[in-house]
Protein backbone atom coordinates (compact mmCIF):
# COMPACT_ATOMS: atom_id res chain seq x y z
CA MET A 1 0.00 0.00 0.00
CA THR A 2 1.36 3.43 -0.90
CA GLN A 3 -0.98 5.39 1.38
CA ASP A 4 -1.55 4.95 5.08
CA ILE A 5 -4.32 6.76 6.92
CA LEU A 6 -2.98 8.37 10.09
CA HIS A 7 -5.50 8.35 12.92
CA PRO A 8 -4.67 8.05 16.63
CA SER A 9 -6.46 4.98 18.01
CA HIS A 10 -8.07 6.91 20.89
CA TRP A 11 -9.57 9.64 18.64
CA LYS A 12 -13.19 9.69 17.55
CA PRO A 13 -13.48 8.50 13.89
CA ALA A 14 -13.17 11.16 11.19
CA LYS A 15 -16.13 11.26 8.80
CA GLY A 16 -15.56 12.26 5.18
CA TYR A 17 -11.87 13.10 5.59
CA ALA A 18 -8.63 11.75 7.07
CA ASN A 19 -6.68 13.47 9.82
CA GLY A 20 -3.45 12.52 8.07
CA ILE A 21 -2.05 10.48 5.19
CA ALA A 22 1.44 9.04 4.73
CA ALA A 23 2.31 8.31 1.09
CA THR A 24 5.26 7.39 -1.09
CA GLY A 25 5.58 8.18 -4.81
CA ARG A 26 5.52 10.96 -7.41
CA MET A 27 3.86 14.10 -6.05
CA VAL A 28 1.30 16.08 -8.06
CA PHE A 29 0.03 19.51 -6.98
CA THR A 30 -2.85 21.47 -8.47
CA GLY A 31 -3.43 25.16 -8.24
CA GLY A 32 -6.64 26.39 -6.70
CA LEU A 33 -9.39 25.16 -9.02
CA ILE A 34 -12.85 26.70 -9.06
CA GLY A 35 -16.26 25.68 -10.32
CA TRP A 36 -16.12 26.88 -13.89
CA ASN A 37 -15.90 24.71 -16.98
CA ALA A 38 -13.01 24.22 -19.43
CA ASP A 39 -13.99 27.47 -21.19
CA GLN A 40 -13.77 29.36 -17.88
CA VAL A 41 -17.53 29.85 -17.79
CA PHE A 42 -19.65 29.29 -14.68
CA GLU A 43 -22.62 27.07 -15.51
CA THR A 44 -24.20 27.56 -12.07
CA ASP A 45 -24.17 29.76 -9.00
CA ASP A 46 -25.31 26.80 -6.89
CA PHE A 47 -22.70 26.00 -4.23
CA ALA A 48 -22.83 22.21 -4.63
CA GLY A 49 -22.82 22.59 -8.42
CA GLN A 50 -19.62 24.63 -8.25
CA VAL A 51 -18.08 22.05 -5.91
CA ALA A 52 -18.96 19.28 -8.38
CA GLN A 53 -17.31 21.19 -11.22
CA ALA A 54 -14.22 22.06 -9.14
CA LEU A 55 -13.79 18.38 -8.21
CA GLN A 56 -14.17 17.37 -11.87
CA ASN A 57 -11.54 19.96 -12.78
CA ILE A 58 -9.19 18.44 -10.18
CA VAL A 59 -9.69 14.97 -11.65
CA GLU A 60 -8.93 16.26 -15.14
CA VAL A 61 -5.73 18.03 -14.04
CA LEU A 62 -4.59 14.96 -12.10
CA ALA A 63 -5.14 12.82 -15.20
CA CYS A 64 -2.58 14.94 -17.07
CA ALA A 65 0.03 13.44 -14.70
CA GLY A 66 -1.41 9.94 -14.76
CA ALA A 67 -2.96 10.38 -11.30
CA LYS A 68 -6.41 9.17 -10.28
CA PRO A 69 -8.76 10.35 -7.51
CA GLU A 70 -7.55 7.56 -5.23
CA HIS A 71 -4.06 9.10 -5.36
CA LEU A 72 -5.28 12.26 -3.58
CA VAL A 73 -3.61 12.80 -0.22
CA ARG A 74 -4.76 16.35 0.59
CA LEU A 75 -7.49 18.81 -0.36
CA THR A 76 -7.65 22.40 0.86
CA TRP A 77 -11.02 24.05 0.35
CA TYR A 78 -11.55 27.82 0.36
CA VAL A 79 -15.20 28.85 0.63
CA THR A 80 -16.76 32.29 0.62
CA ASP A 81 -19.54 31.33 3.04
CA LYS A 82 -19.36 28.42 5.47
CA ARG A 83 -23.17 28.52 5.81
CA ASP A 84 -23.46 27.75 2.08
CA TYR A 85 -21.06 24.85 2.60
CA LEU A 86 -22.86 23.49 5.66
CA GLY A 87 -26.27 23.92 4.01
CA ALA A 88 -25.19 21.92 0.98
CA LEU A 89 -23.38 19.05 2.75
CA LYS A 90 -25.68 16.31 1.43
CA ALA A 91 -25.38 17.50 -2.19
CA ILE A 92 -21.63 18.06 -1.75
CA GLY A 93 -21.25 14.51 -0.41
CA THR A 94 -23.12 13.12 -3.41
CA ALA A 95 -21.00 15.14 -5.85
CA TYR A 96 -17.81 14.12 -4.03
CA ARG A 97 -18.61 10.39 -4.12
CA GLU A 98 -19.66 10.58 -7.80
CA THR A 99 -16.37 12.27 -8.76
CA ILE A 100 -13.77 11.11 -6.23
CA GLY A 101 -15.40 7.94 -4.90
CA ARG A 102 -15.12 6.82 -1.30
CA HIS A 103 -11.52 7.95 -0.92
CA TYR A 104 -11.12 10.59 1.78
CA PRO A 105 -7.73 12.34 1.94
CA ALA A 106 -6.61 14.80 4.58
CA MET A 107 -8.71 17.93 4.17
CA ALA A 108 -8.92 21.46 5.47
CA LEU A 109 -11.67 24.01 4.84
CA VAL A 110 -11.23 27.75 5.30
CA GLN A 111 -13.77 30.55 4.91
CA VAL A 112 -12.32 33.49 3.01
CA VAL A 113 -13.64 36.98 2.39
CA ALA A 114 -13.65 36.54 -1.38
CA LEU A 115 -12.08 34.65 -4.27
CA VAL A 116 -10.49 36.32 -7.29
CA GLU A 117 -13.36 35.30 -9.59
CA ASP A 118 -16.42 37.11 -8.24
CA ARG A 119 -18.89 34.29 -9.06
CA ALA A 120 -16.68 31.60 -7.48
CA LYS A 121 -18.03 30.22 -4.21
CA VAL A 122 -15.34 27.57 -3.68
CA GLU A 123 -11.72 27.02 -4.67
CA ILE A 124 -9.97 23.71 -4.01
CA GLU A 125 -6.25 22.88 -4.06
CA ALA A 126 -5.24 19.23 -4.36
CA THR A 127 -2.14 17.17 -3.68
CA ALA A 128 -1.82 13.62 -5.00
CA VAL A 129 0.90 11.00 -4.76
CA ILE A 130 1.20 8.50 -7.61
CA PRO A 131 2.61 5.16 -6.40
CA MET A 132 6.11 4.23 -7.55
CA GLU A 133 6.29 1.45 -10.14
CA ALA A 134 6.97 -1.93 -8.54
């Protein structure tokens, strides 16, 4: 196994994320990706819809390096309104599982005052580690 989930045995279980990941291999980093399409056009102002698109954008960038969603070791989310995030958790979870699967890397979420693109509600940075060839 090239990834180990790091979770102290006496801690309450993490749900939907990992507290830490140890991995070995080729590292891949994305920039902050937002919820617009390949033509840099927002198709929705819906929070969960933008999350779904941002996650799809991450998968497409990772593919350029030969990485897959299961190679993700860290996601950092920047949101403009944590209430929008919390109010859309069910739809976000559905979009996440449809795009990433049931792989939960280490994650952090930060509320920010604004993002550079005015219509953007979420920006996500990703780190992946592609296993070394055996």
